[in-house]
């Protein structure tokens, strides 16, 4: 894990299904970038939220 990294919950829609993926990144923009690199540019990202720790 990198310095300053947080866990983001990224909700995506692929093939009509909504899924949530935990992504470790420094910013929400970096989390979006990682999702697009992994699943392709055509994936529909619905939301990016920082995971709240209890």
N, C-alpha and C. Protein backbone atom coordinates (compact mmCIF):
# COMPACT_ATOMS: atom_id res chain seq x y z
N UNK A 1 0.84 -1.17 0.00
CA UNK A 1 0.00 0.00 0.00
C UNK A 1 0.89 1.24 0.00
N UNK A 2 0.51 2.20 -0.79
CA UNK A 2 1.30 3.41 -0.92
C UNK A 2 0.95 4.41 0.16
N UNK A 3 1.84 5.33 0.38
CA UNK A 3 1.63 6.39 1.37
C UNK A 3 0.44 7.25 0.94
N UNK A 4 -0.49 7.47 1.84
CA UNK A 4 -1.65 8.29 1.54
C UNK A 4 -2.78 7.56 0.84
N UNK A 5 -2.64 6.25 0.66
CA UNK A 5 -3.68 5.48 -0.04
C UNK A 5 -4.85 5.20 0.88
N UNK A 6 -6.04 5.17 0.29
CA UNK A 6 -7.28 4.89 0.99
C UNK A 6 -8.03 3.82 0.21
N UNK A 7 -9.05 3.26 0.82
CA UNK A 7 -9.88 2.28 0.14
C UNK A 7 -11.15 2.97 -0.36
N UNK A 8 -11.41 2.84 -1.65
CA UNK A 8 -12.60 3.41 -2.26
C UNK A 8 -13.51 2.28 -2.73
N UNK A 9 -14.80 2.47 -2.57
CA UNK A 9 -15.78 1.53 -3.08
C UNK A 9 -16.32 2.10 -4.39
N UNK A 10 -16.04 1.40 -5.48
CA UNK A 10 -16.43 1.86 -6.81
C UNK A 10 -17.59 1.01 -7.29
N UNK A 11 -18.74 1.66 -7.55
CA UNK A 11 -19.91 0.95 -8.04
C UNK A 11 -19.95 1.09 -9.55
N UNK A 12 -19.98 -0.05 -10.25
CA UNK A 12 -19.99 -0.04 -11.71
C UNK A 12 -21.19 -0.84 -12.21
N UNK A 13 -21.54 -0.57 -13.45
CA UNK A 13 -22.59 -1.34 -14.12
C UNK A 13 -21.99 -1.97 -15.35
N UNK A 14 -22.04 -3.31 -15.40
CA UNK A 14 -21.55 -4.01 -16.58
C UNK A 14 -22.56 -5.08 -16.95
N UNK A 15 -22.96 -5.08 -18.19
CA UNK A 15 -23.92 -6.03 -18.74
C UNK A 15 -25.22 -6.03 -17.94
N UNK A 16 -25.66 -4.87 -17.49
CA UNK A 16 -26.91 -4.74 -16.77
C UNK A 16 -26.84 -5.07 -15.29
N UNK A 17 -25.68 -5.49 -14.79
CA UNK A 17 -25.52 -5.83 -13.37
C UNK A 17 -24.73 -4.75 -12.66
N UNK A 18 -25.16 -4.41 -11.44
CA UNK A 18 -24.42 -3.45 -10.63
C UNK A 18 -23.50 -4.21 -9.70
N UNK A 19 -22.24 -3.81 -9.68
CA UNK A 19 -21.24 -4.45 -8.83
C UNK A 19 -20.46 -3.38 -8.10
N UNK A 20 -19.94 -3.75 -6.92
CA UNK A 20 -19.12 -2.84 -6.14
C UNK A 20 -17.75 -3.48 -5.94
N UNK A 21 -16.70 -2.72 -6.26
CA UNK A 21 -15.34 -3.22 -6.14
C UNK A 21 -14.56 -2.34 -5.17
N UNK A 22 -13.83 -2.93 -4.21
CA UNK A 22 -12.93 -2.13 -3.37
C UNK A 22 -11.62 -1.88 -4.11
N UNK A 23 -11.21 -0.63 -4.17
CA UNK A 23 -9.99 -0.23 -4.89
C UNK A 23 -9.13 0.60 -3.94
N UNK A 24 -7.84 0.28 -3.87
CA UNK A 24 -6.91 1.06 -3.07
C UNK A 24 -6.27 2.11 -3.97
N UNK A 25 -6.47 3.38 -3.61
CA UNK A 25 -5.94 4.50 -4.40
C UNK A 25 -5.79 5.73 -3.52
N UNK A 26 -5.09 6.72 -4.01
CA UNK A 26 -4.91 7.96 -3.26
C UNK A 26 -6.11 8.89 -3.39
N UNK A 27 -6.71 8.94 -4.57
CA UNK A 27 -7.84 9.84 -4.82
C UNK A 27 -8.94 9.07 -5.54
N UNK A 28 -10.13 9.66 -5.58
CA UNK A 28 -11.23 9.03 -6.29
C UNK A 28 -10.96 8.98 -7.80
N UNK A 29 -10.26 9.98 -8.32
CA UNK A 29 -9.92 9.99 -9.74
C UNK A 29 -8.98 8.83 -10.09
N UNK A 30 -8.03 8.55 -9.19
CA UNK A 30 -7.12 7.43 -9.41
C UNK A 30 -7.87 6.10 -9.34
N UNK A 31 -8.87 6.01 -8.47
CA UNK A 31 -9.68 4.79 -8.37
C UNK A 31 -10.44 4.56 -9.67
N UNK A 32 -11.01 5.64 -10.24
CA UNK A 32 -11.70 5.53 -11.54
C UNK A 32 -10.74 5.07 -12.63
N UNK A 33 -9.54 5.63 -12.61
CA UNK A 33 -8.53 5.29 -13.62
C UNK A 33 -8.17 3.80 -13.54
N UNK A 34 -8.01 3.29 -12.32
CA UNK A 34 -7.67 1.87 -12.15
C UNK A 34 -8.78 0.96 -12.65
N UNK A 35 -10.03 1.33 -12.40
CA UNK A 35 -11.17 0.54 -12.89
C UNK A 35 -11.18 0.52 -14.41
N UNK A 36 -10.97 1.68 -15.03
CA UNK A 36 -10.98 1.75 -16.49
C UNK A 36 -9.83 0.96 -17.11
N UNK A 37 -8.66 0.96 -16.46
CA UNK A 37 -7.54 0.18 -16.97
C UNK A 37 -7.81 -1.32 -16.87
N UNK A 38 -8.48 -1.73 -15.81
CA UNK A 38 -8.73 -3.15 -15.59
C UNK A 38 -9.88 -3.69 -16.44
N UNK A 39 -10.98 -2.92 -16.57
CA UNK A 39 -12.18 -3.41 -17.24
C UNK A 39 -12.44 -2.78 -18.60
N UNK A 40 -11.68 -1.77 -18.97
CA UNK A 40 -11.87 -1.13 -20.26
C UNK A 40 -12.57 0.21 -20.14
N UNK A 41 -12.40 1.04 -21.12
CA UNK A 41 -12.92 2.41 -21.09
C UNK A 41 -14.44 2.47 -21.22
N UNK A 42 -15.06 1.40 -21.73
CA UNK A 42 -16.50 1.44 -21.95
C UNK A 42 -17.33 1.09 -20.72
N UNK A 43 -16.69 0.76 -19.60
CA UNK A 43 -17.43 0.41 -18.38
C UNK A 43 -18.11 1.66 -17.81
N UNK A 44 -19.32 1.46 -17.29
CA UNK A 44 -20.11 2.58 -16.75
C UNK A 44 -19.88 2.66 -15.24
N UNK A 45 -19.17 3.69 -14.78
CA UNK A 45 -18.91 3.90 -13.35
C UNK A 45 -20.05 4.73 -12.78
N UNK A 46 -20.75 4.18 -11.79
CA UNK A 46 -21.90 4.86 -11.20
C UNK A 46 -21.50 5.77 -10.05
N UNK A 47 -20.62 5.29 -9.16
CA UNK A 47 -20.22 6.12 -8.02
C UNK A 47 -18.88 5.65 -7.48
N UNK A 48 -18.18 6.58 -6.81
CA UNK A 48 -16.92 6.30 -6.12
C UNK A 48 -17.02 6.93 -4.75
N UNK A 49 -16.95 6.11 -3.70
CA UNK A 49 -17.05 6.61 -2.34
C UNK A 49 -15.90 6.07 -1.50
N UNK A 50 -15.39 6.90 -0.61
CA UNK A 50 -14.35 6.46 0.30
C UNK A 50 -14.96 5.55 1.35
N UNK A 51 -14.31 4.41 1.60
CA UNK A 51 -14.82 3.47 2.59
C UNK A 51 -14.61 4.04 3.98
N UNK A 52 -15.67 4.06 4.77
CA UNK A 52 -15.60 4.58 6.14
C UNK A 52 -15.16 3.47 7.08
N UNK A 53 -14.16 3.75 7.88
CA UNK A 53 -13.67 2.76 8.83
C UNK A 53 -14.36 2.97 10.16
N UNK A 54 -14.78 1.86 10.77
CA UNK A 54 -15.58 1.84 11.96
C UNK A 54 -15.03 2.46 13.14
